[in-house]
Amino acid sequence: MDKLEVLRKKIDTLDSALINLLHERLVIVKEVGMLKKERNIQPLDQSRWNQVLEKGLSQAKLLGMRREFIKIILDIIHEEALRIEA
């Protein structure tokens, strides 16, 4: 197996891990949504979202990743979480 194939295999493995992590996150989001409904809490907690976003952007900065890239990804994840919680 040449180096390109090895690297592509690593990317495939990481993509699979990312999808599994997103699935785990959304399972927890469903639980959060049920608790919020039981407690009559709105799906969007702007303060909490700001914390999550800032934490993610800070981590991205430490890793040398583009802020805009991470913000787009986190926004999409958040949008799906709100859809599930609603």
PDB file of N, CA and C in Angstrom:
ATOM      1  N   MET A   1       0.855  -1.171   0.000  1.00  0.00           N
ATOM      2  CA  MET A   1       0.000   0.000   0.000  1.00  0.00           C
ATOM      3  C   MET A   1       0.907   1.242   0.000  1.00  0.00           C
ATOM      4  N   ASP A   2       0.631   2.156  -0.910  1.00  0.00           N
ATOM      5  CA  ASP A   2       1.480   3.347  -0.955  1.00  0.00           C
ATOM      6  C   ASP A   2       0.981   4.415   0.017  1.00  0.00           C
ATOM      7  N   LYS A   3       1.788   5.437   0.186  1.00  0.00           N
ATOM      8  CA  LYS A   3       1.522   6.474   1.191  1.00  0.00           C
ATOM      9  C   LYS A   3       0.158   7.142   0.982  1.00  0.00           C
ATOM     10  N   LEU A   4      -0.221   7.406  -0.271  1.00  0.00           N
ATOM     11  CA  LEU A   4      -1.515   8.033  -0.544  1.00  0.00           C
ATOM     12  C   LEU A   4      -2.659   7.162  -0.042  1.00  0.00           C
ATOM     13  N   GLU A   5      -2.580   5.872  -0.297  1.00  0.00           N
ATOM     14  CA  GLU A   5      -3.617   4.960   0.160  1.00  0.00           C
ATOM     15  C   GLU A   5      -3.671   4.903   1.684  1.00  0.00           C
ATOM     16  N   VAL A   6      -2.524   4.914   2.326  1.00  0.00           N
ATOM     17  CA  VAL A   6      -2.465   4.905   3.789  1.00  0.00           C
ATOM     18  C   VAL A   6      -3.130   6.151   4.352  1.00  0.00           C
ATOM     19  N   LEU A   7      -2.805   7.293   3.768  1.00  0.00           N
ATOM     20  CA  LEU A   7      -3.387   8.554   4.242  1.00  0.00           C
ATOM     21  C   LEU A   7      -4.893   8.583   4.010  1.00  0.00           C
ATOM     22  N   ARG A   8      -5.330   8.089   2.879  1.00  0.00           N
ATOM     23  CA  ARG A   8      -6.773   8.051   2.605  1.00  0.00           C
ATOM     24  C   ARG A   8      -7.489   7.127   3.586  1.00  0.00           C
ATOM     25  N   LYS A   9      -6.860   6.020   3.940  1.00  0.00           N
ATOM     26  CA  LYS A   9      -7.441   5.109   4.939  1.00  0.00           C
ATOM     27  C   LYS A   9      -7.597   5.822   6.283  1.00  0.00           C
ATOM     28  N   LYS A  10      -6.579   6.604   6.655  1.00  0.00           N
ATOM     29  CA  LYS A  10      -6.647   7.358   7.911  1.00  0.00           C
ATOM     30  C   LYS A  10      -7.787   8.367   7.866  1.00  0.00           C
ATOM     31  N   ILE A  11      -7.954   9.044   6.722  1.00  0.00           N
ATOM     32  CA  ILE A  11      -9.056  10.000   6.572  1.00  0.00           C
ATOM     33  C   ILE A  11     -10.394   9.279   6.701  1.00  0.00           C
ATOM     34  N   ASP A  12     -10.528   8.118   6.052  1.00  0.00           N
ATOM     35  CA  ASP A  12     -11.777   7.346   6.146  1.00  0.00           C
ATOM     36  C   ASP A  12     -12.086   6.964   7.590  1.00  0.00           C
ATOM     37  N   THR A  13     -11.065   6.561   8.324  1.00  0.00           N
ATOM     38  CA  THR A  13     -11.237   6.191   9.735  1.00  0.00           C
ATOM     39  C   THR A  13     -11.680   7.398  10.555  1.00  0.00           C
ATOM     40  N   LEU A  14     -11.050   8.527  10.325  1.00  0.00           N
ATOM     41  CA  LEU A  14     -11.410   9.748  11.052  1.00  0.00           C
ATOM     42  C   LEU A  14     -12.817  10.217  10.695  1.00  0.00           C
ATOM     43  N   ASP A  15     -13.188  10.124   9.415  1.00  0.00           N
ATOM     44  CA  ASP A  15     -14.551  10.496   9.010  1.00  0.00           C
ATOM     45  C   ASP A  15     -15.580   9.630   9.731  1.00  0.00           C
ATOM     46  N   SER A  16     -15.309   8.345   9.822  1.00  0.00           N
ATOM     47  CA  SER A  16     -16.213   7.439  10.526  1.00  0.00           C
ATOM     48  C   SER A  16     -16.318   7.820  12.002  1.00  0.00           C
ATOM     49  N   ALA A  17     -15.191   8.138  12.611  1.00  0.00           N
ATOM     50  CA  ALA A  17     -15.180   8.541  14.020  1.00  0.00           C
ATOM     51  C   ALA A  17     -15.968   9.835  14.215  1.00  0.00           C
ATOM     52  N   LEU A  18     -15.817  10.785  13.304  1.00  0.00           N
ATOM     53  CA  LEU A  18     -16.569  12.045  13.397  1.00  0.00           C
ATOM     54  C   LEU A  18     -18.071  11.795  13.343  1.00  0.00           C
ATOM     55  N   ILE A  19     -18.486  10.934  12.428  1.00  0.00           N
ATOM     56  CA  ILE A  19     -19.911  10.639  12.303  1.00  0.00           C
ATOM     57  C   ILE A  19     -20.430   9.947  13.559  1.00  0.00           C
ATOM     58  N   ASN A  20     -19.657   9.020  14.095  1.00  0.00           N
ATOM     59  CA  ASN A  20     -20.065   8.354  15.336  1.00  0.00           C
ATOM     60  C   ASN A  20     -20.169   9.343  16.492  1.00  0.00           C
ATOM     61  N   LEU A  21     -19.224  10.268  16.580  1.00  0.00           N
ATOM     62  CA  LEU A  21     -19.273  11.286  17.638  1.00  0.00           C
ATOM     63  C   LEU A  21     -20.484  12.201  17.474  1.00  0.00           C
ATOM     64  N   LEU A  22     -20.779  12.580  16.245  1.00  0.00           N
ATOM     65  CA  LEU A  22     -21.962  13.411  16.005  1.00  0.00           C
ATOM     66  C   LEU A  22     -23.231  12.661  16.399  1.00  0.00           C
ATOM     67  N   HIS A  23     -23.276  11.382  16.095  1.00  0.00           N
ATOM     68  CA  HIS A  23     -24.434  10.585  16.486  1.00  0.00           C
ATOM     69  C   HIS A  23     -24.589  10.566  18.008  1.00  0.00           C
ATOM     70  N   GLU A  24     -23.498  10.313  18.717  1.00  0.00           N
ATOM     71  CA  GLU A  24     -23.537  10.314  20.185  1.00  0.00           C
ATOM     72  C   GLU A  24     -24.022  11.660  20.716  1.00  0.00           C
ATOM     73  N   ARG A  25     -23.534  12.732  20.106  1.00  0.00           N
ATOM     74  CA  ARG A  25     -23.936  14.071  20.540  1.00  0.00           C
ATOM     75  C   ARG A  25     -25.443  14.266  20.348  1.00  0.00           C
ATOM     76  N   LEU A  26     -25.958  13.823  19.198  1.00  0.00           N
ATOM     77  CA  LEU A  26     -27.379  14.012  18.918  1.00  0.00           C
ATOM     78  C   LEU A  26     -28.263  13.142  19.802  1.00  0.00           C
ATOM     79  N   VAL A  27     -27.775  11.986  20.199  1.00  0.00           N
ATOM     80  CA  VAL A  27     -28.521  11.162  21.160  1.00  0.00           C
ATOM     81  C   VAL A  27     -28.681  11.932  22.478  1.00  0.00           C
ATOM     82  N   ILE A  28     -27.611  12.571  22.916  1.00  0.00           N
ATOM     83  CA  ILE A  28     -27.663  13.355  24.151  1.00  0.00           C
ATOM     84  C   ILE A  28     -28.563  14.572  23.966  1.00  0.00           C
ATOM     85  N   VAL A  29     -28.508  15.186  22.792  1.00  0.00           N
ATOM     86  CA  VAL A  29     -29.375  16.337  22.492  1.00  0.00           C
ATOM     87  C   VAL A  29     -30.848  15.939  22.642  1.00  0.00           C
ATOM     88  N   LYS A  30     -31.195  14.732  22.194  1.00  0.00           N
ATOM     89  CA  LYS A  30     -32.581  14.260  22.345  1.00  0.00           C
ATOM     90  C   LYS A  30     -32.968  14.203  23.817  1.00  0.00           C
ATOM     91  N   GLU A  31     -32.060  13.721  24.652  1.00  0.00           N
ATOM     92  CA  GLU A  31     -32.323  13.658  26.091  1.00  0.00           C
ATOM     93  C   GLU A  31     -32.489  15.064  26.664  1.00  0.00           C
ATOM     94  N   VAL A  32     -31.620  15.968  26.255  1.00  0.00           N
ATOM     95  CA  VAL A  32     -31.725  17.366  26.707  1.00  0.00           C
ATOM     96  C   VAL A  32     -33.073  17.939  26.288  1.00  0.00           C
ATOM     97  N   GLY A  33     -33.459  17.670  25.038  1.00  0.00           N
ATOM     98  CA  GLY A  33     -34.749  18.167  24.542  1.00  0.00           C
ATOM     99  C   GLY A  33     -35.921  17.666  25.358  1.00  0.00           C
ATOM    100  N   MET A  34     -35.894  16.387  25.746  1.00  0.00           N
ATOM    101  CA  MET A  34     -36.980  15.828  26.563  1.00  0.00           C
ATOM    102  C   MET A  34     -37.025  16.496  27.937  1.00  0.00           C
ATOM    103  N   LEU A  35     -35.849  16.705  28.529  1.00  0.00           N
ATOM    104  CA  LEU A  35     -35.805  17.378  29.830  1.00  0.00           C
ATOM    105  C   LEU A  35     -36.310  18.813  29.736  1.00  0.00           C
ATOM    106  N   LYS A  36     -35.915  19.487  28.665  1.00  0.00           N
ATOM    107  CA  LYS A  36     -36.379  20.873  28.487  1.00  0.00           C
ATOM    108  C   LYS A  36     -37.892  20.922  28.335  1.00  0.00           C
ATOM    109  N   LYS A  37     -38.460  19.962  27.589  1.00  0.00           N
ATOM    110  CA  LYS A  37     -39.916  19.933  27.429  1.00  0.00           C
ATOM    111  C   LYS A  37     -40.600  19.673  28.765  1.00  0.00           C
ATOM    112  N   GLU A  38     -40.070  18.723  29.536  1.00  0.00           N
ATOM    113  CA  GLU A  38     -40.636  18.425  30.851  1.00  0.00           C
ATOM    114  C   GLU A  38     -40.617  19.647  31.753  1.00  0.00           C
ATOM    115  N   ARG A  39     -39.574  20.441  31.631  1.00  0.00           N
ATOM    116  CA  ARG A  39     -39.392  21.614  32.494  1.00  0.00           C
ATOM    117  C   ARG A  39     -39.878  22.899  31.843  1.00  0.00           C
ATOM    118  N   ASN A  40     -40.504  22.766  30.678  1.00  0.00           N
ATOM    119  CA  ASN A  40     -41.044  23.918  29.954  1.00  0.00           C
ATOM    120  C   ASN A  40     -39.963  24.977  29.672  1.00  0.00           C
ATOM    121  N   ILE A  41     -38.813  24.509  29.182  1.00  0.00           N
ATOM    122  CA  ILE A  41     -37.684  25.384  28.842  1.00  0.00           C
ATOM    123  C   ILE A  41     -37.578  25.436  27.323  1.00  0.00           C
ATOM    124  N   GLN A  42     -37.367  26.610  26.796  1.00  0.00           N
ATOM    125  CA  GLN A  42     -37.211  26.786  25.350  1.00  0.00           C
ATOM    126  C   GLN A  42     -35.954  26.071  24.844  1.00  0.00           C
ATOM    127  N   PRO A  43     -35.985  25.567  23.594  1.00  0.00           N
ATOM    128  CA  PRO A  43     -34.808  24.884  23.041  1.00  0.00           C
ATOM    129  C   PRO A  43     -33.555  25.761  23.012  1.00  0.00           C
ATOM    130  N   LEU A  44     -33.695  27.028  22.665  1.00  0.00           N
ATOM    131  CA  LEU A  44     -32.515  27.888  22.551  1.00  0.00           C
ATOM    132  C   LEU A  44     -32.193  28.555  23.877  1.00  0.00           C
ATOM    133  N   ASP A  45     -31.004  28.291  24.376  1.00  0.00           N
ATOM    134  CA  ASP A  45     -30.445  28.984  25.532  1.00  0.00           C
ATOM    135  C   ASP A  45     -29.238  29.759  24.997  1.00  0.00           C
ATOM    136  N   GLN A  46     -29.475  31.013  24.655  1.00  0.00           N
ATOM    137  CA  GLN A  46     -28.458  31.819  23.982  1.00  0.00           C
ATOM    138  C   GLN A  46     -27.161  31.905  24.774  1.00  0.00           C
ATOM    139  N   SER A  47     -27.272  32.011  26.072  1.00  0.00           N
ATOM    140  CA  SER A  47     -26.082  32.090  26.916  1.00  0.00           C
ATOM    141  C   SER A  47     -25.255  30.813  26.798  1.00  0.00           C
ATOM    142  N   ARG A  48     -25.920  29.664  26.869  1.00  0.00           N
ATOM    143  CA  ARG A  48     -25.227  28.378  26.739  1.00  0.00           C
ATOM    144  C   ARG A  48     -24.603  28.248  25.343  1.00  0.00           C
ATOM    145  N   TRP A  49     -25.345  28.629  24.320  1.00  0.00           N
ATOM    146  CA  TRP A  49     -24.818  28.538  22.960  1.00  0.00           C
ATOM    147  C   TRP A  49     -23.574  29.414  22.802  1.00  0.00           C
ATOM    148  N   ASN A  50     -23.612  30.607  23.368  1.00  0.00           N
ATOM    149  CA  ASN A  50     -22.440  31.489  23.297  1.00  0.00           C
ATOM    150  C   ASN A  50     -21.220  30.838  23.953  1.00  0.00           C
ATOM    151  N   GLN A  51     -21.433  30.143  25.073  1.00  0.00           N
ATOM    152  CA  GLN A  51     -20.337  29.444  25.760  1.00  0.00           C
ATOM    153  C   GLN A  51     -19.770  28.322  24.891  1.00  0.00           C
ATOM    154  N   VAL A  52     -20.652  27.531  24.310  1.00  0.00           N
ATOM    155  CA  VAL A  52     -20.236  26.410  23.463  1.00  0.00           C
ATOM    156  C   VAL A  52     -19.442  26.931  22.267  1.00  0.00           C
ATOM    157  N   LEU A  53     -19.973  27.967  21.631  1.00  0.00           N
ATOM    158  CA  LEU A  53     -19.318  28.539  20.455  1.00  0.00           C
ATOM    159  C   LEU A  53     -17.950  29.108  20.807  1.00  0.00           C
ATOM    160  N   GLU A  54     -17.885  29.868  21.874  1.00  0.00           N
ATOM    161  CA  GLU A  54     -16.606  30.482  22.263  1.00  0.00           C
ATOM    162  C   GLU A  54     -15.565  29.421  22.630  1.00  0.00           C
ATOM    163  N   LYS A  55     -16.005  28.391  23.330  1.00  0.00           N
ATOM    164  CA  LYS A  55     -15.095  27.306  23.694  1.00  0.00           C
ATOM    165  C   LYS A  55     -14.547  26.619  22.440  1.00  0.00           C
ATOM    166  N   GLY A  56     -15.421  26.340  21.497  1.00  0.00           N
ATOM    167  CA  GLY A  56     -14.999  25.703  20.253  1.00  0.00           C
ATOM    168  C   GLY A  56     -14.059  26.576  19.447  1.00  0.00           C
ATOM    169  N   LEU A  57     -14.356  27.859  19.373  1.00  0.00           N
ATOM    170  CA  LEU A  57     -13.507  28.781  18.614  1.00  0.00           C
ATOM    171  C   LEU A  57     -12.146  28.962  19.284  1.00  0.00           C
ATOM    172  N   SER A  58     -12.128  28.972  20.601  1.00  0.00           N
ATOM    173  CA  SER A  58     -10.852  29.068  21.322  1.00  0.00           C
ATOM    174  C   SER A  58      -9.998  27.829  21.084  1.00  0.00           C
ATOM    175  N   GLN A  59     -10.630  26.670  21.134  1.00  0.00           N
ATOM    176  CA  GLN A  59      -9.888  25.433  20.890  1.00  0.00           C
ATOM    177  C   GLN A  59      -9.348  25.414  19.462  1.00  0.00           C
ATOM    178  N   ALA A  60     -10.159  25.847  18.517  1.00  0.00           N
ATOM    179  CA  ALA A  60      -9.726  25.891  17.120  1.00  0.00           C
ATOM    180  C   ALA A  60      -8.521  26.808  16.950  1.00  0.00           C
ATOM    181  N   LYS A  61      -8.561  27.937  17.624  1.00  0.00           N
ATOM    182  CA  LYS A  61      -7.445  28.885  17.534  1.00  0.00           C
ATOM    183  C   LYS A  61      -6.156  28.248  18.049  1.00  0.00           C
ATOM    184  N   LEU A  62      -6.253  27.554  19.179  1.00  0.00           N
ATOM    185  CA  LEU A  62      -5.077  26.876  19.742  1.00  0.00           C
ATOM    186  C   LEU A  62      -4.497  25.847  18.779  1.00  0.00           C
ATOM    187  N   LEU A  63      -5.368  25.231  17.993  1.00  0.00           N
ATOM    188  CA  LEU A  63      -4.935  24.200  17.059  1.00  0.00           C
ATOM    189  C   LEU A  63      -4.541  24.762  15.694  1.00  0.00           C
ATOM    190  N   GLY A  64      -4.672  26.083  15.544  1.00  0.00           N
ATOM    191  CA  GLY A  64      -4.307  26.711  14.276  1.00  0.00           C
ATOM    192  C   GLY A  64      -5.338  26.520  13.174  1.00  0.00           C
ATOM    193  N   MET A  65      -6.593  26.325  13.571  1.00  0.00           N
ATOM    194  CA  MET A  65      -7.662  26.126  12.590  1.00  0.00           C
ATOM    195  C   MET A  65      -8.368  27.455  12.317  1.00  0.00           C
ATOM    196  N   ARG A  66      -8.897  27.563  11.105  1.00  0.00           N
ATOM    197  CA  ARG A  66      -9.606  28.801  10.747  1.00  0.00           C
ATOM    198  C   ARG A  66     -10.893  28.946  11.553  1.00  0.00           C
ATOM    199  N   ARG A  67     -11.065  30.092  12.157  1.00  0.00           N
ATOM    200  CA  ARG A  67     -12.244  30.407  12.958  1.00  0.00           C
ATOM    201  C   ARG A  67     -13.537  30.249  12.148  1.00  0.00           C
ATOM    202  N   GLU A  68     -13.527  30.746  10.922  1.00  0.00           N
ATOM    203  CA  GLU A  68     -14.728  30.713  10.083  1.00  0.00           C
ATOM    204  C   GLU A  68     -15.164  29.273   9.800  1.00  0.00           C
ATOM    205  N   PHE A  69     -14.190  28.406   9.562  1.00  0.00           N
ATOM    206  CA  PHE A  69     -14.466  26.998   9.282  1.00  0.00           C
ATOM    207  C   PHE A  69     -15.162  26.338  10.476  1.00  0.00           C
ATOM    208  N   ILE A  70     -14.605  26.524  11.648  1.00  0.00           N
ATOM    209  CA  ILE A  70     -15.163  25.910  12.861  1.00  0.00           C
ATOM    210  C   ILE A  70     -16.524  26.510  13.190  1.00  0.00           C
ATOM    211  N   LYS A  71     -16.689  27.813  12.989  1.00  0.00           N
ATOM    212  CA  LYS A  71     -17.973  28.454  13.274  1.00  0.00           C
ATOM    213  C   LYS A  71     -19.071  27.876  12.388  1.00  0.00           C
ATOM    214  N   ILE A  72     -18.764  27.655  11.114  1.00  0.00           N
ATOM    215  CA  ILE A  72     -19.751  27.070  10.204  1.00  0.00           C
ATOM    216  C   ILE A  72     -20.154  25.678  10.683  1.00  0.00           C
ATOM    217  N   ILE A  73     -19.179  24.871  11.039  1.00  0.00           N
ATOM    218  CA  ILE A  73     -19.473  23.510  11.502  1.00  0.00           C
ATOM    219  C   ILE A  73     -20.303  23.537  12.778  1.00  0.00           C
ATOM    220  N   LEU A  74     -19.892  24.357  13.746  1.00  0.00           N
ATOM    221  CA  LEU A  74     -20.635  24.432  15.006  1.00  0.00           C
ATOM    222  C   LEU A  74     -22.041  24.983  14.790  1.00  0.00           C
ATOM    223  N   ASP A  75     -22.201  25.947  13.893  1.00  0.00           N
ATOM    224  CA  ASP A  75     -23.534  26.487  13.598  1.00  0.00           C
ATOM    225  C   ASP A  75     -24.448  25.411  13.013  1.00  0.00           C
ATOM    226  N   ILE A  76     -23.919  24.587  12.123  1.00  0.00           N
ATOM    227  CA  ILE A  76     -24.723  23.512  11.521  1.00  0.00           C
ATOM    228  C   ILE A  76     -25.121  22.488  12.584  1.00  0.00           C
ATOM    229  N   ILE A  77     -24.187  22.133  13.444  1.00  0.00           N
ATOM    230  CA  ILE A  77     -24.481  21.185  14.522  1.00  0.00           C
ATOM    231  C   ILE A  77     -25.542  21.770  15.456  1.00  0.00           C
ATOM    232  N   HIS A  78     -25.405  23.035  15.777  1.00  0.00           N
ATOM    233  CA  HIS A  78     -26.359  23.704  16.663  1.00  0.00           C
ATOM    234  C   HIS A  78     -27.746  23.771  16.029  1.00  0.00           C
ATOM    235  N   GLU A  79     -27.795  24.057  14.741  1.00  0.00           N
ATOM    236  CA  GLU A  79     -29.072  24.119  14.038  1.00  0.00           C
ATOM    237  C   GLU A  79     -29.782  22.765  14.102  1.00  0.00           C
ATOM    238  N   GLU A  80     -29.049  21.694  13.901  1.00  0.00           N
ATOM    239  CA  GLU A  80     -29.637  20.356  13.987  1.00  0.00           C
ATOM    240  C   GLU A  80     -30.082  20.049  15.424  1.00  0.00           C
ATOM    241  N   ALA A  81     -29.291  20.462  16.390  1.00  0.00           N
ATOM    242  CA  ALA A  81     -29.664  20.243  17.793  1.00  0.00           C
ATOM    243  C   ALA A  81     -30.962  20.966  18.129  1.00  0.00           C
ATOM    244  N   LEU A  82     -31.093  22.194  17.674  1.00  0.00           N
ATOM    245  CA  LEU A  82     -32.337  22.938  17.926  1.00  0.00           C
ATOM    246  C   LEU A  82     -33.523  22.276  17.245  1.00  0.00           C
ATOM    247  N   ARG A  83     -33.321  21.755  16.047  1.00  0.00           N
ATOM    248  CA  ARG A  83     -34.397  21.062  15.343  1.00  0.00           C
ATOM    249  C   ARG A  83     -34.846  19.844  16.134  1.00  0.00           C
ATOM    250  N   ILE A  84     -33.901  19.101  16.672  1.00  0.00           N
ATOM    251  CA  ILE A  84     -34.219  17.895  17.454  1.00  0.00           C
ATOM    252  C   ILE A  84     -34.925  18.268  18.758  1.00  0.00           C
ATOM    253  N   GLU A  85     -34.436  19.323  19.408  1.00  0.00           N
ATOM    254  CA  GLU A  85     -35.020  19.720  20.693  1.00  0.00           C
ATOM    255  C   GLU A  85     -36.419  20.289  20.553  1.00  0.00           C
ATOM    256  N   ALA A  86     -36.744  20.849  19.402  1.00  0.00           N
ATOM    257  CA  ALA A  86     -38.031  21.537  19.207  1.00  0.00           C
ATOM    258  C   ALA A  86     -39.206  20.568  19.183  1.00  0.00           C
TER     259      ALA A  86
END
